[in-house]
Amino acid sequence: MQKQPPDELVPDPVVWKEFGITSMTLYRWTNDANLKFPRPIKIRTKNFRSRRALEEFKSRMLRSAISSCEVA
């Protein structure tokens, strides 16, 4: 059985830059139940996101975009 490497915590300001969004957009994405954006991990007053969950989100959005563009 393979061990997964430890997950990395990504601070919200890095998430903003990575996705090219503002803090308000991140707030909206977090509170949009249909989008299923990774929930924050709060440490004291700072929010972090799981790197693994962010990558899964990107993959899911990419698959969704590709499938919506396919011609039947």
N, C-alpha and C. Protein backbone atom coordinates (compact mmCIF):
# COMPACT_ATOMS: atom_id res chain seq x y z
N MET A 1 0.84 -1.18 0.00
CA MET A 1 0.00 0.00 0.00
C MET A 1 0.88 1.24 0.00
N GLN A 2 0.59 2.17 -0.91
CA GLN A 2 1.39 3.37 -1.02
C GLN A 2 0.94 4.40 0.01
N LYS A 3 1.93 5.07 0.59
CA LYS A 3 1.63 6.17 1.50
C LYS A 3 1.53 7.45 0.70
N GLN A 4 0.53 8.26 1.03
CA GLN A 4 0.43 9.56 0.39
C GLN A 4 1.34 10.54 1.11
N PRO A 5 1.96 11.44 0.37
CA PRO A 5 2.78 12.45 1.04
C PRO A 5 1.89 13.33 1.91
N PRO A 6 2.45 13.96 2.93
CA PRO A 6 1.64 14.83 3.78
C PRO A 6 1.02 15.96 2.95
N ASP A 7 -0.18 16.34 3.36
CA ASP A 7 -0.86 17.43 2.67
C ASP A 7 -0.24 18.75 3.09
N GLU A 8 -0.32 19.73 2.20
CA GLU A 8 0.21 21.07 2.46
C GLU A 8 -0.96 22.01 2.73
N LEU A 9 -0.78 22.92 3.67
CA LEU A 9 -1.79 23.94 3.92
C LEU A 9 -1.42 25.20 3.15
N VAL A 10 -2.39 25.71 2.39
CA VAL A 10 -2.17 26.88 1.55
C VAL A 10 -2.94 28.06 2.15
N PRO A 11 -2.25 29.14 2.50
CA PRO A 11 -2.97 30.30 3.06
C PRO A 11 -3.86 30.96 2.01
N ASP A 12 -4.96 31.54 2.46
CA ASP A 12 -5.91 32.15 1.53
C ASP A 12 -5.30 33.19 0.59
N PRO A 13 -4.37 34.05 1.04
CA PRO A 13 -3.78 34.99 0.07
C PRO A 13 -3.09 34.29 -1.11
N VAL A 14 -2.53 33.12 -0.87
CA VAL A 14 -1.91 32.36 -1.97
C VAL A 14 -3.00 31.80 -2.88
N VAL A 15 -4.11 31.37 -2.29
CA VAL A 15 -5.25 30.88 -3.07
C VAL A 15 -5.78 31.99 -3.97
N TRP A 16 -5.89 33.22 -3.43
CA TRP A 16 -6.35 34.36 -4.24
C TRP A 16 -5.48 34.51 -5.49
N LYS A 17 -4.16 34.49 -5.28
CA LYS A 17 -3.23 34.68 -6.40
C LYS A 17 -3.28 33.52 -7.37
N GLU A 18 -3.34 32.31 -6.83
CA GLU A 18 -3.32 31.12 -7.67
C GLU A 18 -4.53 31.06 -8.61
N PHE A 19 -5.70 31.46 -8.10
CA PHE A 19 -6.92 31.42 -8.89
C PHE A 19 -7.23 32.75 -9.57
N GLY A 20 -6.46 33.79 -9.26
CA GLY A 20 -6.69 35.10 -9.86
C GLY A 20 -8.00 35.72 -9.41
N ILE A 21 -8.31 35.57 -8.12
CA ILE A 21 -9.57 36.06 -7.57
C ILE A 21 -9.32 37.00 -6.39
N THR A 22 -10.38 37.65 -5.94
CA THR A 22 -10.29 38.52 -4.77
C THR A 22 -10.74 37.75 -3.53
N SER A 23 -10.52 38.36 -2.38
CA SER A 23 -10.97 37.73 -1.13
C SER A 23 -12.50 37.58 -1.11
N MET A 24 -13.22 38.54 -1.70
CA MET A 24 -14.68 38.45 -1.74
C MET A 24 -15.13 37.29 -2.61
N THR A 25 -14.46 37.06 -3.73
CA THR A 25 -14.80 35.92 -4.58
C THR A 25 -14.55 34.62 -3.84
N LEU A 26 -13.44 34.55 -3.12
CA LEU A 26 -13.15 33.34 -2.34
C LEU A 26 -14.24 33.11 -1.29
N TYR A 27 -14.68 34.16 -0.66
CA TYR A 27 -15.77 34.06 0.31
C TYR A 27 -17.03 33.50 -0.36
N ARG A 28 -17.35 34.01 -1.54
CA ARG A 28 -18.54 33.54 -2.25
C ARG A 28 -18.40 32.09 -2.67
N TRP A 29 -17.24 31.73 -3.20
CA TRP A 29 -17.01 30.34 -3.59
C TRP A 29 -17.14 29.41 -2.39
N THR A 30 -16.59 29.82 -1.26
CA THR A 30 -16.64 29.00 -0.05
C THR A 30 -18.08 28.77 0.39
N ASN A 31 -18.93 29.77 0.21
CA ASN A 31 -20.31 29.67 0.69
C ASN A 31 -21.30 29.21 -0.38
N ASP A 32 -20.81 28.84 -1.55
CA ASP A 32 -21.64 28.32 -2.63
C ASP A 32 -21.66 26.79 -2.54
N ALA A 33 -22.76 26.24 -2.03
CA ALA A 33 -22.85 24.79 -1.82
C ALA A 33 -22.74 24.01 -3.13
N ASN A 34 -23.20 24.57 -4.24
CA ASN A 34 -23.14 23.88 -5.53
C ASN A 34 -21.72 23.77 -6.07
N LEU A 35 -20.89 24.74 -5.76
CA LEU A 35 -19.52 24.77 -6.28
C LEU A 35 -18.62 23.75 -5.57
N LYS A 36 -18.88 23.51 -4.30
CA LYS A 36 -18.11 22.54 -3.49
C LYS A 36 -16.62 22.91 -3.45
N PHE A 37 -16.35 24.20 -3.23
CA PHE A 37 -14.97 24.65 -3.08
C PHE A 37 -14.45 24.17 -1.72
N PRO A 38 -13.17 23.83 -1.62
CA PRO A 38 -12.63 23.31 -0.35
C PRO A 38 -12.88 24.27 0.82
N ARG A 39 -13.33 23.70 1.92
CA ARG A 39 -13.62 24.46 3.12
C ARG A 39 -12.30 24.93 3.76
N PRO A 40 -12.34 26.06 4.45
CA PRO A 40 -11.12 26.56 5.11
C PRO A 40 -10.78 25.75 6.35
N ILE A 41 -9.50 25.73 6.64
CA ILE A 41 -8.98 25.19 7.89
C ILE A 41 -8.49 26.40 8.66
N LYS A 42 -9.15 26.71 9.76
CA LYS A 42 -8.84 27.93 10.50
C LYS A 42 -7.80 27.63 11.57
N ILE A 43 -6.72 28.40 11.56
CA ILE A 43 -5.68 28.33 12.60
C ILE A 43 -5.55 29.73 13.15
N ARG A 44 -6.00 29.86 14.39
CA ARG A 44 -6.13 31.17 15.03
C ARG A 44 -7.00 32.07 14.18
N THR A 45 -6.46 33.11 13.60
CA THR A 45 -7.28 34.03 12.80
C THR A 45 -7.05 33.87 11.30
N LYS A 46 -6.26 32.88 10.90
CA LYS A 46 -5.92 32.70 9.48
C LYS A 46 -6.65 31.50 8.88
N ASN A 47 -7.00 31.62 7.61
CA ASN A 47 -7.61 30.52 6.87
C ASN A 47 -6.60 29.89 5.93
N PHE A 48 -6.64 28.57 5.87
CA PHE A 48 -5.80 27.78 4.99
C PHE A 48 -6.70 26.80 4.25
N ARG A 49 -6.22 26.31 3.11
CA ARG A 49 -6.93 25.29 2.34
C ARG A 49 -5.98 24.13 2.11
N SER A 50 -6.54 22.96 2.01
CA SER A 50 -5.76 21.76 1.72
C SER A 50 -5.28 21.80 0.27
N ARG A 51 -3.99 21.62 0.05
CA ARG A 51 -3.45 21.59 -1.32
C ARG A 51 -4.11 20.47 -2.10
N ARG A 52 -4.26 19.31 -1.48
CA ARG A 52 -4.86 18.16 -2.15
C ARG A 52 -6.30 18.49 -2.57
N ALA A 53 -7.08 19.13 -1.69
CA ALA A 53 -8.47 19.49 -2.01
C ALA A 53 -8.53 20.54 -3.13
N LEU A 54 -7.59 21.48 -3.12
CA LEU A 54 -7.56 22.50 -4.19
C LEU A 54 -7.28 21.85 -5.54
N GLU A 55 -6.34 20.91 -5.58
CA GLU A 55 -6.01 20.24 -6.84
C GLU A 55 -7.18 19.39 -7.32
N GLU A 56 -7.90 18.75 -6.39
CA GLU A 56 -9.09 17.97 -6.77
C GLU A 56 -10.16 18.89 -7.33
N PHE A 57 -10.32 20.07 -6.74
CA PHE A 57 -11.28 21.05 -7.23
C PHE A 57 -10.92 21.48 -8.66
N LYS A 58 -9.65 21.78 -8.89
CA LYS A 58 -9.22 22.18 -10.24
C LYS A 58 -9.51 21.07 -11.25
N SER A 59 -9.21 19.84 -10.89
CA SER A 59 -9.45 18.71 -11.79
C SER A 59 -10.93 18.56 -12.10
N ARG A 60 -11.77 18.68 -11.07
CA ARG A 60 -13.21 18.56 -11.25
C ARG A 60 -13.74 19.66 -12.17
N MET A 61 -13.26 20.90 -11.99
CA MET A 61 -13.71 22.01 -12.82
C MET A 61 -13.24 21.83 -14.27
N LEU A 62 -12.02 21.33 -14.44
CA LEU A 62 -11.49 21.09 -15.79
C LEU A 62 -12.29 20.01 -16.50
N ARG A 63 -12.58 18.90 -15.80
CA ARG A 63 -13.38 17.83 -16.40
C ARG A 63 -14.77 18.35 -16.79
N SER A 64 -15.35 19.17 -15.92
CA SER A 64 -16.68 19.72 -16.19
C SER A 64 -16.65 20.64 -17.42
N ALA A 65 -15.62 21.46 -17.53
CA ALA A 65 -15.49 22.37 -18.68
C ALA A 65 -15.31 21.59 -19.97
N ILE A 66 -14.50 20.54 -19.92
CA ILE A 66 -14.25 19.74 -21.12
C ILE A 66 -15.52 19.01 -21.55
N SER A 67 -16.22 18.42 -20.59
CA SER A 67 -17.43 17.66 -20.94
C SER A 67 -18.53 18.57 -21.47
N SER A 68 -18.57 19.83 -21.02
CA SER A 68 -19.61 20.75 -21.51
C SER A 68 -19.29 21.25 -22.92
N CYS A 69 -18.04 21.10 -23.37
CA CYS A 69 -17.65 21.56 -24.70
C CYS A 69 -17.71 20.46 -25.75
N GLU A 70 -17.85 19.21 -25.31
CA GLU A 70 -17.87 18.10 -26.25
C GLU A 70 -19.13 18.13 -27.08
N VAL A 71 -18.96 17.82 -28.35
CA VAL A 71 -20.09 17.81 -29.29
C VAL A 71 -20.67 16.40 -29.32
N ALA A 72 -21.98 16.30 -29.24
CA ALA A 72 -22.63 15.00 -29.23
C ALA A 72 -22.70 14.39 -30.61
